[in-house]
Amino acid sequence: MAEKAKQVKKKENAIQRYIRETTGELRKVSWPTWTEARRLTVLVLLVMFVVGFFLAGVDFLAGELMNLIIL
């Protein structure tokens, strides 16, 4: 009887397993310092604005070119 009780193991809930595995993975992450995070955030914003202005210029030029072709 005792052997049967040991063999029957309660199945782990999928949500509990997900949370346990997620917290385990987050402990392995190398988190940036505040200085690194600020520097990288500024870099991302700068690149975002540069690409945005570039695409706006290409869009404007393409629109003007289409106006010249159509008219």
N, C-alpha and C. Protein backbone atom coordinates (compact mmCIF):
# COMPACT_ATOMS: atom_id res chain seq x y z
N MET A 1 0.80 -1.20 0.00
CA MET A 1 0.00 0.00 0.00
C MET A 1 0.85 1.28 0.00
N ALA A 2 1.92 1.26 0.78
CA ALA A 2 2.75 2.45 0.90
C ALA A 2 3.44 2.76 -0.42
N GLU A 3 3.79 1.70 -1.16
CA GLU A 3 4.44 1.91 -2.45
C GLU A 3 3.50 2.57 -3.44
N LYS A 4 2.23 2.19 -3.39
CA LYS A 4 1.25 2.77 -4.29
C LYS A 4 1.05 4.26 -4.00
N ALA A 5 1.07 4.63 -2.76
CA ALA A 5 0.88 6.03 -2.37
C ALA A 5 2.05 6.88 -2.86
N LYS A 6 3.24 6.30 -2.85
CA LYS A 6 4.41 7.04 -3.33
C LYS A 6 4.39 7.20 -4.84
N GLN A 7 3.85 6.22 -5.54
CA GLN A 7 3.82 6.27 -7.00
C GLN A 7 2.81 7.27 -7.51
N VAL A 8 1.71 7.46 -6.80
CA VAL A 8 0.69 8.40 -7.22
C VAL A 8 1.17 9.79 -6.83
N LYS A 9 1.56 10.54 -7.83
CA LYS A 9 2.07 11.89 -7.59
C LYS A 9 1.08 12.88 -8.18
N LYS A 10 0.82 13.92 -7.43
CA LYS A 10 -0.12 14.93 -7.90
C LYS A 10 0.47 15.64 -9.11
N LYS A 11 -0.31 15.70 -10.18
CA LYS A 11 0.15 16.33 -11.41
C LYS A 11 0.22 17.85 -11.20
N GLU A 12 1.33 18.42 -11.64
CA GLU A 12 1.55 19.86 -11.46
C GLU A 12 0.65 20.65 -12.42
N ASN A 13 0.07 21.70 -11.90
CA ASN A 13 -0.77 22.59 -12.68
C ASN A 13 0.09 23.30 -13.73
N ALA A 14 -0.43 23.46 -14.94
CA ALA A 14 0.33 24.09 -16.02
C ALA A 14 0.67 25.54 -15.69
N ILE A 15 -0.22 26.24 -15.03
CA ILE A 15 0.03 27.64 -14.68
C ILE A 15 1.13 27.73 -13.64
N GLN A 16 1.09 26.84 -12.65
CA GLN A 16 2.14 26.83 -11.63
C GLN A 16 3.50 26.52 -12.24
N ARG A 17 3.54 25.56 -13.16
CA ARG A 17 4.79 25.21 -13.82
C ARG A 17 5.31 26.39 -14.65
N TYR A 18 4.42 27.08 -15.36
CA TYR A 18 4.81 28.23 -16.17
C TYR A 18 5.42 29.32 -15.28
N ILE A 19 4.77 29.63 -14.17
CA ILE A 19 5.28 30.68 -13.28
C ILE A 19 6.62 30.27 -12.68
N ARG A 20 6.76 29.00 -12.28
CA ARG A 20 8.01 28.53 -11.70
C ARG A 20 9.14 28.59 -12.72
N GLU A 21 8.88 28.16 -13.94
CA GLU A 21 9.92 28.18 -14.97
C GLU A 21 10.26 29.61 -15.38
N THR A 22 9.26 30.48 -15.44
CA THR A 22 9.51 31.88 -15.81
C THR A 22 10.37 32.58 -14.78
N THR A 23 10.05 32.40 -13.50
CA THR A 23 10.87 33.04 -12.47
C THR A 23 12.29 32.48 -12.48
N GLY A 24 12.44 31.20 -12.75
CA GLY A 24 13.77 30.61 -12.86
C GLY A 24 14.57 31.23 -13.99
N GLU A 25 13.92 31.46 -15.13
CA GLU A 25 14.62 32.08 -16.27
C GLU A 25 14.95 33.54 -15.99
N LEU A 26 14.06 34.26 -15.30
CA LEU A 26 14.31 35.67 -15.01
C LEU A 26 15.47 35.84 -14.04
N ARG A 27 15.74 34.84 -13.21
CA ARG A 27 16.88 34.91 -12.30
C ARG A 27 18.20 34.80 -13.06
N LYS A 28 18.17 34.18 -14.24
CA LYS A 28 19.38 34.01 -15.04
C LYS A 28 19.73 35.25 -15.87
N VAL A 29 18.80 36.19 -16.00
CA VAL A 29 18.99 37.35 -16.86
C VAL A 29 20.03 38.30 -16.27
N SER A 30 20.87 38.83 -17.11
CA SER A 30 21.84 39.84 -16.70
C SER A 30 21.19 41.20 -16.95
N TRP A 31 20.66 41.80 -15.88
CA TRP A 31 19.93 43.05 -16.02
C TRP A 31 20.90 44.22 -16.17
N PRO A 32 20.57 45.21 -17.03
CA PRO A 32 21.46 46.37 -17.19
C PRO A 32 21.35 47.30 -15.99
N THR A 33 22.40 48.10 -15.81
CA THR A 33 22.36 49.12 -14.76
C THR A 33 21.46 50.26 -15.24
N TRP A 34 21.12 51.17 -14.32
CA TRP A 34 20.27 52.30 -14.71
C TRP A 34 20.96 53.17 -15.76
N THR A 35 22.27 53.33 -15.64
CA THR A 35 23.01 54.14 -16.61
C THR A 35 22.94 53.50 -18.00
N GLU A 36 23.16 52.20 -18.06
CA GLU A 36 23.09 51.50 -19.35
C GLU A 36 21.68 51.57 -19.93
N ALA A 37 20.67 51.40 -19.07
CA ALA A 37 19.29 51.44 -19.55
C ALA A 37 18.93 52.81 -20.11
N ARG A 38 19.35 53.87 -19.42
CA ARG A 38 19.08 55.23 -19.92
C ARG A 38 19.80 55.48 -21.25
N ARG A 39 21.06 55.08 -21.32
CA ARG A 39 21.84 55.28 -22.54
C ARG A 39 21.22 54.54 -23.72
N LEU A 40 20.83 53.31 -23.49
CA LEU A 40 20.23 52.53 -24.57
C LEU A 40 18.85 53.06 -24.96
N THR A 41 18.11 53.58 -24.00
CA THR A 41 16.80 54.16 -24.30
C THR A 41 16.96 55.40 -25.18
N VAL A 42 17.93 56.24 -24.85
CA VAL A 42 18.18 57.44 -25.66
C VAL A 42 18.61 57.03 -27.06
N LEU A 43 19.44 56.01 -27.16
CA LEU A 43 19.89 55.53 -28.47
C LEU A 43 18.72 55.02 -29.31
N VAL A 44 17.83 54.26 -28.69
CA VAL A 44 16.66 53.74 -29.42
C VAL A 44 15.77 54.88 -29.88
N LEU A 45 15.53 55.86 -29.03
CA LEU A 45 14.69 57.00 -29.42
C LEU A 45 15.33 57.80 -30.55
N LEU A 46 16.64 57.99 -30.48
CA LEU A 46 17.35 58.73 -31.53
C LEU A 46 17.24 58.00 -32.87
N VAL A 47 17.48 56.71 -32.87
CA VAL A 47 17.39 55.94 -34.11
C VAL A 47 15.95 55.97 -34.64
N MET A 48 14.98 55.89 -33.73
CA MET A 48 13.58 55.94 -34.13
C MET A 48 13.25 57.25 -34.85
N PHE A 49 13.72 58.37 -34.31
CA PHE A 49 13.44 59.66 -34.93
C PHE A 49 14.16 59.80 -36.27
N VAL A 50 15.42 59.35 -36.35
CA VAL A 50 16.16 59.45 -37.61
C VAL A 50 15.47 58.63 -38.70
N VAL A 51 15.09 57.40 -38.37
CA VAL A 51 14.40 56.56 -39.36
C VAL A 51 13.05 57.16 -39.71
N GLY A 52 12.35 57.72 -38.73
CA GLY A 52 11.06 58.37 -39.00
C GLY A 52 11.18 59.54 -39.95
N PHE A 53 12.19 60.39 -39.73
CA PHE A 53 12.40 61.53 -40.62
C PHE A 53 12.82 61.07 -42.02
N PHE A 54 13.64 60.03 -42.09
CA PHE A 54 14.06 59.49 -43.38
C PHE A 54 12.85 58.97 -44.16
N LEU A 55 12.00 58.19 -43.48
CA LEU A 55 10.82 57.65 -44.16
C LEU A 55 9.83 58.76 -44.55
N ALA A 56 9.73 59.79 -43.72
CA ALA A 56 8.86 60.91 -44.07
C ALA A 56 9.39 61.61 -45.32
N GLY A 57 10.72 61.77 -45.42
CA GLY A 57 11.31 62.39 -46.61
C GLY A 57 11.11 61.54 -47.85
N VAL A 58 11.29 60.24 -47.73
CA VAL A 58 11.08 59.35 -48.87
C VAL A 58 9.62 59.39 -49.29
N ASP A 59 8.72 59.41 -48.34
CA ASP A 59 7.29 59.47 -48.64
C ASP A 59 6.95 60.77 -49.36
N PHE A 60 7.50 61.88 -48.87
CA PHE A 60 7.24 63.17 -49.50
C PHE A 60 7.76 63.19 -50.94
N LEU A 61 9.01 62.72 -51.12
CA LEU A 61 9.58 62.71 -52.47
C LEU A 61 8.81 61.78 -53.41
N ALA A 62 8.38 60.64 -52.92
CA ALA A 62 7.60 59.72 -53.75
C ALA A 62 6.26 60.34 -54.12
N GLY A 63 5.65 61.05 -53.18
CA GLY A 63 4.38 61.73 -53.48
C GLY A 63 4.55 62.82 -54.52
N GLU A 64 5.63 63.61 -54.39
CA GLU A 64 5.88 64.66 -55.37
C GLU A 64 6.19 64.07 -56.75
N LEU A 65 6.93 62.97 -56.78
CA LEU A 65 7.22 62.30 -58.05
C LEU A 65 5.93 61.78 -58.71
N MET A 66 5.05 61.24 -57.92
CA MET A 66 3.78 60.77 -58.46
C MET A 66 2.94 61.93 -58.99
N ASN A 67 2.98 63.06 -58.28
CA ASN A 67 2.25 64.24 -58.76
C ASN A 67 2.81 64.71 -60.10
N LEU A 68 4.12 64.66 -60.27
CA LEU A 68 4.71 65.07 -61.54
C LEU A 68 4.33 64.11 -62.67
N ILE A 69 4.29 62.83 -62.37
CA ILE A 69 3.95 61.83 -63.38
C ILE A 69 2.47 61.94 -63.77
N ILE A 70 1.61 62.08 -62.79
CA ILE A 70 0.17 62.09 -63.06
C ILE A 70 -0.26 63.40 -63.71
N LEU A 71 0.29 64.51 -63.27
CA LEU A 71 -0.12 65.82 -63.80
C LEU A 71 0.69 66.14 -64.98
